[in-house]
Protein backbone atom coordinates (compact mmCIF):
# COMPACT_ATOMS: atom_id res chain seq x y z
CA MET A 1 2.67 -22.17 14.76
CA LEU A 2 -1.11 -22.56 14.47
CA THR A 3 -4.09 -20.84 16.07
CA ASP A 4 -6.59 -22.86 18.10
CA ASN A 5 -8.78 -23.18 15.00
CA GLY A 6 -5.90 -24.50 12.89
CA GLN A 7 -4.94 -21.38 10.93
CA ARG A 8 -1.28 -20.77 10.22
CA ILE A 9 0.29 -17.80 12.00
CA ALA A 10 2.62 -15.63 9.91
CA TYR A 11 4.92 -13.12 11.64
CA ILE A 12 5.49 -9.98 9.56
CA GLU A 13 8.54 -7.88 10.41
CA THR A 14 9.87 -6.54 7.10
CA GLN A 15 8.62 -3.88 4.71
CA ALA A 16 8.58 -6.31 1.79
CA GLU A 17 6.45 -8.84 3.69
CA LEU A 18 3.96 -6.18 4.73
CA GLU A 19 3.60 -4.79 1.22
CA GLU A 20 3.03 -8.28 -0.20
CA VAL A 21 0.19 -9.15 2.17
CA CYS A 22 -1.36 -5.69 1.85
CA ARG A 23 -1.60 -6.18 -1.92
CA ASP A 24 -3.63 -9.32 -1.24
CA TRP A 25 -5.84 -7.61 1.36
CA LEU A 26 -6.67 -4.81 -1.08
CA THR A 27 -8.47 -7.41 -3.23
CA LEU A 28 -10.60 -8.79 -0.37
CA PRO A 29 -14.11 -7.67 0.65
CA VAL A 30 -13.41 -8.11 4.37
CA VAL A 31 -10.49 -8.56 6.79
CA ALA A 32 -10.44 -8.85 10.58
CA LEU A 33 -8.21 -6.68 12.73
CA ASP A 34 -7.07 -6.41 16.33
CA THR A 35 -4.38 -4.43 18.16
CA GLU A 36 -2.26 -5.03 21.22
CA PHE A 37 -1.06 -1.78 22.77
CA MET A 38 0.29 -0.31 25.98
CA ARG A 39 -1.11 2.79 27.67
CA THR A 40 -0.09 2.50 31.32
CA ASN A 41 2.11 5.59 31.56
CA THR A 42 1.34 7.52 28.38
CA PHE A 43 -1.55 9.57 27.04
CA TYR A 44 -1.43 7.98 23.61
CA PRO A 45 -1.57 4.21 23.07
CA ARG A 46 1.70 2.62 21.95
CA LEU A 47 1.12 -0.11 19.42
CA GLY A 48 2.89 -3.34 20.33
CA LEU A 49 1.39 -5.73 17.80
CA LEU A 50 -1.09 -5.60 14.92
CA GLN A 51 -3.12 -8.72 14.14
CA VAL A 52 -4.91 -9.36 10.85
CA ALA A 53 -6.96 -12.37 9.71
CA ASP A 54 -8.01 -12.73 6.10
CA GLY A 55 -9.82 -16.07 6.23
CA SER A 56 -6.87 -18.18 5.14
CA GLN A 57 -4.36 -17.38 7.89
CA CYS A 58 -3.46 -14.97 10.67
CA TYR A 59 -0.76 -12.33 10.42
CA LEU A 60 1.05 -10.77 13.36
CA ILE A 61 2.71 -7.53 12.27
CA ASP A 62 5.54 -6.15 14.39
CA PRO A 63 5.12 -2.35 14.39
CA LEU A 64 8.54 -1.89 15.99
CA LYS A 65 10.14 -3.19 12.77
CA ILE A 66 8.03 -1.36 10.17
CA SER A 67 8.79 2.23 9.14
CA ASP A 68 6.45 2.83 6.18
CA TRP A 69 2.77 2.03 6.70
CA GLY A 70 1.49 3.47 3.44
CA CYS A 71 0.35 0.11 2.06
CA PHE A 72 -1.55 -0.76 5.24
CA ILE A 73 -3.18 2.68 5.33
CA SER A 74 -4.44 1.95 1.82
CA VAL A 75 -6.15 -1.17 3.17
CA LEU A 76 -7.79 0.79 6.00
CA SER A 77 -9.05 3.47 3.64
CA ASN A 78 -10.29 1.04 0.97
CA PRO A 79 -14.09 1.51 0.79
CA GLY A 80 -14.42 -1.93 -0.83
CA CYS A 81 -12.96 -3.74 2.18
CA GLU A 82 -14.90 -4.00 5.46
CA ILE A 83 -12.70 -3.95 8.58
CA VAL A 84 -13.98 -6.23 11.36
CA LEU A 85 -13.13 -5.39 14.98
CA HIS A 86 -14.51 -6.47 18.34
CA SER A 87 -15.35 -3.66 20.77
CA GLY A 88 -13.40 -1.40 18.48
CA GLY A 89 -13.34 1.88 20.44
CA GLU A 90 -9.76 1.66 21.69
CA ASP A 91 -8.59 -0.03 18.48
CA LEU A 92 -10.01 2.86 16.45
CA LEU A 93 -8.21 5.41 18.60
CA THR A 94 -4.96 3.44 18.24
CA LEU A 95 -5.35 3.33 14.46
CA LEU A 96 -6.01 7.07 14.35
CA ILE A 97 -3.01 7.92 16.52
CA VAL A 98 -0.54 5.50 14.93
CA PHE A 99 -1.61 5.67 11.27
CA GLY A 100 -3.70 8.83 11.06
CA GLN A 101 -6.38 6.76 9.36
CA LEU A 102 -9.64 5.11 10.39
CA PRO A 103 -11.43 2.32 8.51
CA SER A 104 -13.51 3.46 5.58
CA THR A 105 -16.00 0.65 6.34
CA TYR A 106 -16.19 -0.85 9.82
CA PHE A 107 -18.08 -3.77 11.46
CA ASP A 108 -18.02 -4.16 15.25
CA THR A 109 -18.84 -7.71 16.34
CA GLN A 110 -19.65 -6.62 19.91
CA VAL A 111 -22.29 -4.14 18.73
CA ALA A 112 -23.51 -6.65 16.12
CA SER A 113 -23.96 -9.32 18.81
CA ALA A 114 -26.21 -6.90 20.71
CA TYR A 115 -28.33 -6.35 17.58
CA ALA A 116 -28.46 -10.14 17.19
CA GLY A 117 -30.08 -10.41 20.64
CA LEU A 118 -27.09 -12.09 22.28
CA GLY A 119 -26.63 -9.47 24.99
CA PHE A 120 -25.12 -6.04 25.47
CA SER A 121 -21.34 -5.50 25.70
CA LEU A 122 -20.49 -9.18 25.18
CA SER A 123 -16.76 -9.95 25.52
CA TYR A 124 -14.80 -11.54 22.68
CA GLN A 125 -14.29 -14.68 24.78
CA ALA A 126 -18.03 -14.92 25.47
CA LEU A 127 -18.86 -14.41 21.80
CA VAL A 128 -16.41 -17.10 20.70
CA ARG A 129 -17.99 -19.45 23.27
CA GLU A 130 -21.50 -18.58 22.09
CA ILE A 131 -20.96 -18.81 18.33
CA ILE A 132 -17.86 -20.97 17.84
CA GLY A 133 -18.18 -23.16 20.92
CA ARG A 134 -14.56 -22.75 22.07
CA GLU A 135 -13.02 -21.51 25.31
CA LEU A 136 -10.23 -18.95 24.93
CA PRO A 137 -7.56 -18.47 27.61
CA LYS A 138 -7.07 -15.01 29.16
CA ASP A 139 -3.51 -15.60 30.40
CA GLN A 140 -1.85 -12.78 28.42
CA THR A 141 -4.28 -9.92 29.03
CA ARG A 142 -1.65 -8.02 31.07
CA SER A 143 1.31 -8.77 28.81
CA ASP A 144 3.98 -6.22 27.95
CA TRP A 145 3.44 -6.03 24.20
CA LEU A 146 6.37 -3.66 23.67
CA LYS A 147 8.93 -6.10 25.09
CA ARG A 148 10.94 -8.19 22.63
CA PRO A 149 11.10 -11.01 21.90
CA LEU A 150 7.43 -11.87 22.30
CA SER A 151 6.89 -15.36 23.73
CA GLU A 152 5.16 -18.15 21.83
CA SER A 153 2.23 -17.97 24.27
CA GLN A 154 1.89 -14.22 23.60
CA LEU A 155 1.91 -14.76 19.84
CA LYS A 156 -0.68 -17.54 20.00
CA TYR A 157 -2.88 -15.48 22.33
CA ALA A 158 -2.70 -12.51 19.95
CA ALA A 159 -3.54 -14.67 16.92
CA ASN A 160 -6.48 -16.28 18.73
CA ASP A 161 -7.77 -12.77 19.45
CA VAL A 162 -8.38 -12.22 15.73
CA CYS A 163 -8.72 -15.65 14.09
CA TYR A 164 -12.39 -16.14 15.02
CA LEU A 165 -13.59 -12.70 13.99
CA LEU A 166 -14.39 -13.53 10.36
CA PRO A 167 -16.47 -16.66 11.16
CA ILE A 168 -18.31 -14.62 13.82
CA TYR A 169 -18.74 -11.76 11.34
CA ARG A 170 -20.39 -14.07 8.81
CA VAL A 171 -22.82 -15.48 11.38
CA LEU A 172 -23.75 -12.07 12.78
CA SER A 173 -24.06 -10.45 9.35
CA SER A 174 -26.55 -13.13 8.33
CA ARG A 175 -28.57 -12.73 11.55
CA LEU A 176 -28.70 -8.95 11.30
CA ASP A 177 -29.66 -9.13 7.65
CA LEU A 178 -32.58 -11.39 8.53
CA ARG A 179 -33.61 -9.04 11.35
CA GLY A 180 -33.28 -5.95 9.18
CA TYR A 181 -30.72 -4.37 11.52
CA LEU A 182 -27.63 -4.16 9.30
CA GLY A 183 -28.42 -0.55 8.44
CA PHE A 184 -28.64 0.32 12.13
CA LEU A 185 -25.22 -1.23 12.73
CA LYS A 186 -23.73 0.80 9.88
CA GLU A 187 -25.16 4.00 11.40
CA ASP A 188 -23.55 3.15 14.73
CA ALA A 189 -20.21 2.34 13.08
CA LYS A 190 -20.13 5.67 11.27
CA ALA A 191 -21.04 7.50 14.49
CA GLN A 192 -18.23 5.76 16.36
CA VAL A 193 -15.68 6.60 13.67
CA ASP A 194 -16.83 10.24 13.68
CA SER A 195 -16.63 10.34 17.49
CA THR A 196 -13.07 8.96 17.41
CA LYS A 197 -12.04 11.72 15.02
CA LEU A 198 -13.56 14.35 17.31
CA SER A 199 -11.61 13.09 20.34
CA GLU A 200 -8.42 14.59 18.92
CA GLN A 201 -9.97 17.94 18.01
CA SER A 202 -9.95 21.02 20.22
CA ASN A 203 -13.76 21.21 20.12
CA PHE A 204 -13.77 18.01 22.17
CA TRP A 205 -11.24 19.35 24.65
CA ALA A 206 -13.46 22.36 25.28
CA LEU A 207 -16.15 20.08 26.77
CA THR A 208 -14.00 17.94 29.09
CA TYR A 209 -14.94 20.14 32.06
CA THR A 210 -18.42 18.58 31.95
CA THR A 211 -17.01 15.20 33.05
CA VAL A 212 -15.50 16.54 36.31
CA SER A 213 -17.54 15.37 39.32
CA ASN A 214 -19.31 18.15 41.23
CA SER A 215 -18.59 20.75 38.54
CA TRP A 216 -22.29 21.62 38.72
CA ARG A 217 -21.68 23.11 42.19
CA LEU A 218 -19.48 25.91 40.80
CA ASN A 219 -20.73 29.40 40.02
CA ASP A 220 -20.31 30.63 36.46
CA ASN A 221 -17.00 32.36 37.13
CA ALA A 222 -15.49 29.25 38.70
CA LEU A 223 -16.99 26.99 36.03
CA ALA A 224 -15.43 29.08 33.27
CA CYS A 225 -12.13 28.74 35.11
CA LEU A 226 -12.53 24.95 35.31
CA GLN A 227 -13.27 24.82 31.60
CA ARG A 228 -10.05 26.72 30.87
CA LEU A 229 -8.03 24.49 33.20
CA CYS A 230 -9.35 21.30 31.57
CA VAL A 231 -8.45 22.56 28.10
CA TRP A 232 -4.95 23.37 29.37
CA ARG A 233 -4.61 19.84 30.81
CA GLU A 234 -5.71 18.27 27.51
CA GLY A 235 -2.97 20.14 25.69
CA GLN A 236 -0.33 19.28 28.29
CA ALA A 237 -1.24 15.58 28.32
CA ARG A 238 -0.86 15.38 24.55
CA LYS A 239 2.27 17.52 24.40
CA LYS A 240 4.06 15.50 27.09
CA ASP A 241 2.34 12.19 26.19
CA LEU A 242 1.36 11.57 29.80
CA PRO A 243 -1.95 10.43 31.36
CA ARG A 244 -4.27 13.31 32.25
CA SER A 245 -4.07 12.49 35.96
CA TRP A 246 -0.27 12.76 35.83
CA ILE A 247 -0.65 16.37 34.71
CA ALA A 248 -3.42 17.23 37.18
CA LYS A 249 -6.18 15.26 38.85
CA ASP A 250 -9.83 16.21 38.42
CA ALA A 251 -10.07 16.99 42.15
CA GLU A 252 -7.11 19.39 41.91
CA LEU A 253 -8.62 21.33 39.00
CA LEU A 254 -11.94 21.49 40.82
CA ALA A 255 -10.20 22.78 43.97
CA ILE A 256 -8.47 25.52 41.96
CA ALA A 257 -11.79 26.54 40.42
CA GLN A 258 -13.37 26.63 43.88
CA LEU A 259 -10.61 29.00 45.03
CA VAL A 260 -11.59 31.35 42.23
CA ARG A 261 -15.03 31.55 43.80
CA GLU A 262 -13.46 32.69 47.07
CA HIS A 263 -10.73 35.07 45.82
CA ARG A 264 -10.74 37.94 43.38
CA LYS A 265 -7.16 37.24 42.27
CA LEU A 266 -5.31 34.04 43.01
CA THR A 267 -1.64 33.79 43.91
CA ALA A 268 0.78 30.86 44.02
CA ARG A 269 0.51 31.02 47.82
CA ASP A 270 -3.24 30.38 47.57
CA LEU A 271 -2.50 27.22 45.62
CA ASP A 272 0.21 26.20 48.11
CA ASN A 273 -2.15 26.64 51.04
CA CYS A 274 -4.91 24.46 49.54
CA ALA A 275 -4.64 20.91 50.89
CA ALA A 276 -6.55 19.49 47.91
CA ILE A 277 -3.88 20.69 45.45
CA GLY A 278 -0.71 18.58 45.27
CA SER A 279 2.62 20.30 45.82
CA ALA A 280 4.00 18.70 42.64
CA LEU A 281 1.32 20.40 40.53
CA VAL A 282 2.08 23.79 42.10
CA ARG A 283 5.82 23.30 41.72
CA ARG A 284 5.64 22.33 38.05
CA HIS A 285 2.83 24.54 36.82
CA GLY A 286 1.97 27.04 39.57
CA ASP A 287 2.85 30.22 37.66
CA LYS A 288 0.99 29.05 34.55
CA LEU A 289 -2.06 28.06 36.59
CA VAL A 290 -2.17 31.46 38.31
CA ARG A 291 -2.10 33.21 34.94
CA LEU A 292 -4.85 30.93 33.63
CA VAL A 293 -7.24 31.37 36.54
CA ASN A 294 -6.74 35.13 36.69
CA SER A 295 -7.60 35.56 33.01
CA PRO A 296 -11.02 37.10 32.27
CA PRO A 297 -13.70 34.38 32.17
CA ASP A 298 -15.35 33.51 28.87
CA PHE A 299 -18.88 32.50 29.79
CA SER A 300 -19.71 31.62 26.18
CA LEU A 301 -17.60 28.47 26.61
CA ILE A 302 -19.73 26.95 29.38
CA ASP A 303 -23.10 25.23 29.15
CA ARG A 304 -24.77 24.21 32.39
CA SER A 305 -27.21 21.92 30.58
CA LEU A 306 -24.26 19.57 29.96
CA LEU A 307 -23.55 19.16 33.68
CA CYS A 308 -24.95 16.43 35.94
CA PRO A 309 -26.56 17.91 39.08
CA PRO A 310 -28.69 15.67 41.32
CA LEU A 311 -31.96 14.76 39.65
CA SER A 312 -35.14 16.42 40.90
CA ALA A 313 -38.28 14.39 41.52
CA SER A 314 -39.89 15.67 38.30
CA LEU A 315 -36.78 14.85 36.33
CA ARG A 316 -36.62 11.35 37.79
CA GLY A 317 -40.24 10.85 36.78
CA LEU A 318 -39.48 11.99 33.24
CA ILE A 319 -36.48 9.67 32.98
CA LYS A 320 -38.53 6.78 34.34
CA GLY A 321 -41.09 7.37 31.59
CA PHE A 322 -38.35 7.51 28.95
CA ARG A 323 -36.79 4.29 30.26
CA GLN A 324 -40.13 2.49 30.08
CA ALA A 325 -40.54 3.62 26.47
CA VAL A 326 -37.05 2.37 25.69
CA GLN A 327 -37.76 -0.94 27.41
CA ASN A 328 -40.95 -1.41 25.39
CA HIS A 329 -39.20 -0.80 22.08
CA ALA A 330 -36.25 -3.01 23.06
CA GLU A 331 -38.61 -5.89 23.79
CA GLN A 332 -40.35 -5.39 20.45
CA MET A 333 -36.98 -5.43 18.66
CA ASP A 334 -35.52 -8.27 20.80
CA ILE A 335 -32.43 -6.23 21.71
CA SER A 336 -30.94 -4.99 24.96
CA PRO A 337 -32.44 -1.64 26.06
CA GLU A 338 -28.89 -0.29 26.54
CA LEU A 339 -28.34 -0.63 22.80
CA LEU A 340 -31.32 1.63 22.15
CA ALA A 341 -30.55 4.27 24.80
CA ARG A 342 -28.32 4.48 27.86
CA LYS A 343 -29.32 6.14 31.13
CA LYS A 344 -26.80 8.96 30.63
CA GLN A 345 -28.39 9.80 27.29
CA LEU A 346 -31.89 9.77 28.78
CA VAL A 347 -30.75 12.13 31.53
CA ALA A 348 -29.43 14.52 28.86
CA VAL A 349 -32.76 14.38 27.03
CA ALA A 350 -34.71 15.00 30.23
CA GLN A 351 -32.57 17.98 31.20
CA LYS A 352 -33.15 19.58 27.81
CA VAL A 353 -36.89 19.08 28.14
CA ARG A 354 -36.86 20.58 31.63
CA LEU A 355 -35.16 23.70 30.32
CA GLY A 356 -38.15 24.23 28.06
CA SER A 357 -36.17 25.05 24.94
CA ASP A 358 -36.33 23.36 21.57
CA PHE A 359 -34.44 20.13 21.93
CA VAL A 360 -31.88 18.96 19.40
CA TRP A 361 -31.42 15.20 19.66
CA PRO A 362 -27.90 14.29 20.83
CA PRO A 363 -25.85 12.35 18.25
CA GLU A 364 -26.06 9.12 20.27
CA LEU A 365 -29.86 9.18 19.93
CA GLY A 366 -30.02 10.40 16.37
CA GLY A 367 -30.94 8.52 13.22
CA TRP A 368 -33.13 5.45 13.63
CA ARG A 369 -33.24 5.83 17.42
CA ARG A 370 -34.79 9.29 17.14
CA ASP A 371 -37.28 8.00 14.59
CA ARG A 372 -38.26 5.20 16.93
CA LEU A 373 -38.39 7.08 20.23
CA ALA A 374 -39.43 10.65 19.43
CA ALA A 375 -43.21 10.16 19.53
CA ASP A 376 -43.12 8.22 22.80
CA PHE A 377 -40.79 10.72 24.46
CA LEU A 378 -43.05 13.55 23.36
CA GLU A 379 -46.03 11.74 24.88
CA VAL A 380 -44.20 11.11 28.17
CA ALA A 381 -43.23 14.80 28.42
CA GLY A 382 -46.79 15.85 27.59
CA ASN A 383 -48.28 13.57 30.24
CA LEU A 384 -46.03 15.18 32.84
CA ASN A 385 -47.08 18.69 31.68
CA LEU A 386 -43.60 19.48 30.42
CA ARG A 387 -42.82 21.19 27.16
CA GLY A 388 -42.55 18.84 24.20
CA VAL A 389 -39.46 17.47 22.62
CA SER A 390 -38.63 19.07 19.31
CA GLU A 391 -37.81 16.60 16.56
CA HIS A 392 -34.98 18.68 15.15
CA GLY A 393 -31.86 16.58 14.64
């Protein structure tokens, strides 16, 4: 079987075959990688197929047949071999969960295409069309990758998903080198790898309350309760390997926290009588939830500056000024403004400035972005008679 660009497709399903190809990959400066996984009814992704392209052919590795991944982990951790992915966020998480290892050196063709001026968040199909000039089918995007045997159309689709990455990588690397943006891409890749590692650490769980809609409406006591409930849900989702919403929906946790605002001590009956809280949640976890919400609040764990209340007129003006500065720099660099700074990040900056305390740049706006934007942001804040932005990072 061949890919659309004529590369041979090799199906790897034995330990000996995997170790042989991994020995070859350890000698290469770059390999392309993709994953097919399922995550419809689990918290963690379940790897169904691993695709690798090394420039000579494509390899489809059956993870259901391989028991020892040590040789492949060596490839991932090899600092002399760059791993090429497209829109690698979910792939990175899958690699971390399945292999406990992230690439030592990583190149994301989606981010690179944005630095090349081709547009922000370009799909793999669009990038292949733009650079290679081919149309890729999307007929297997909803396939069951854990079912065996995989059909010929599934295998060809999976191979096509990786076979163009190295030619695209070479084109984009050359363009970014000419533009002087390769260093920026490497900064972003390292930040994404670091962020993926954090997602499985308890420090990350402690902040998940900030993503719950309307959490800003809660008083401190109720907000501390919501924080505790969200941490509990993170642990349960991982322990049971179920989606967060199958443990408890955001709206249910918010409703419980709102009850705390109205009652000194909650009982299981309070939960039962609340229409916004599902009976299944009370039946399965009612006693545990009552103990959690009645525990003394720890206000040191909450930070209101991380919440998203409605923007005031002054804050909207500040954000508008920031966005104009971002737009100006993006035009000068010939990149999408979203690559330089997203609206959510600008809101976070503006809220810190409004609080009037020394501002520490968030990680997403650190490095070269901070160097580029700091002076303009400081000027915008000064023009609006707000306290300046500290350049601590």
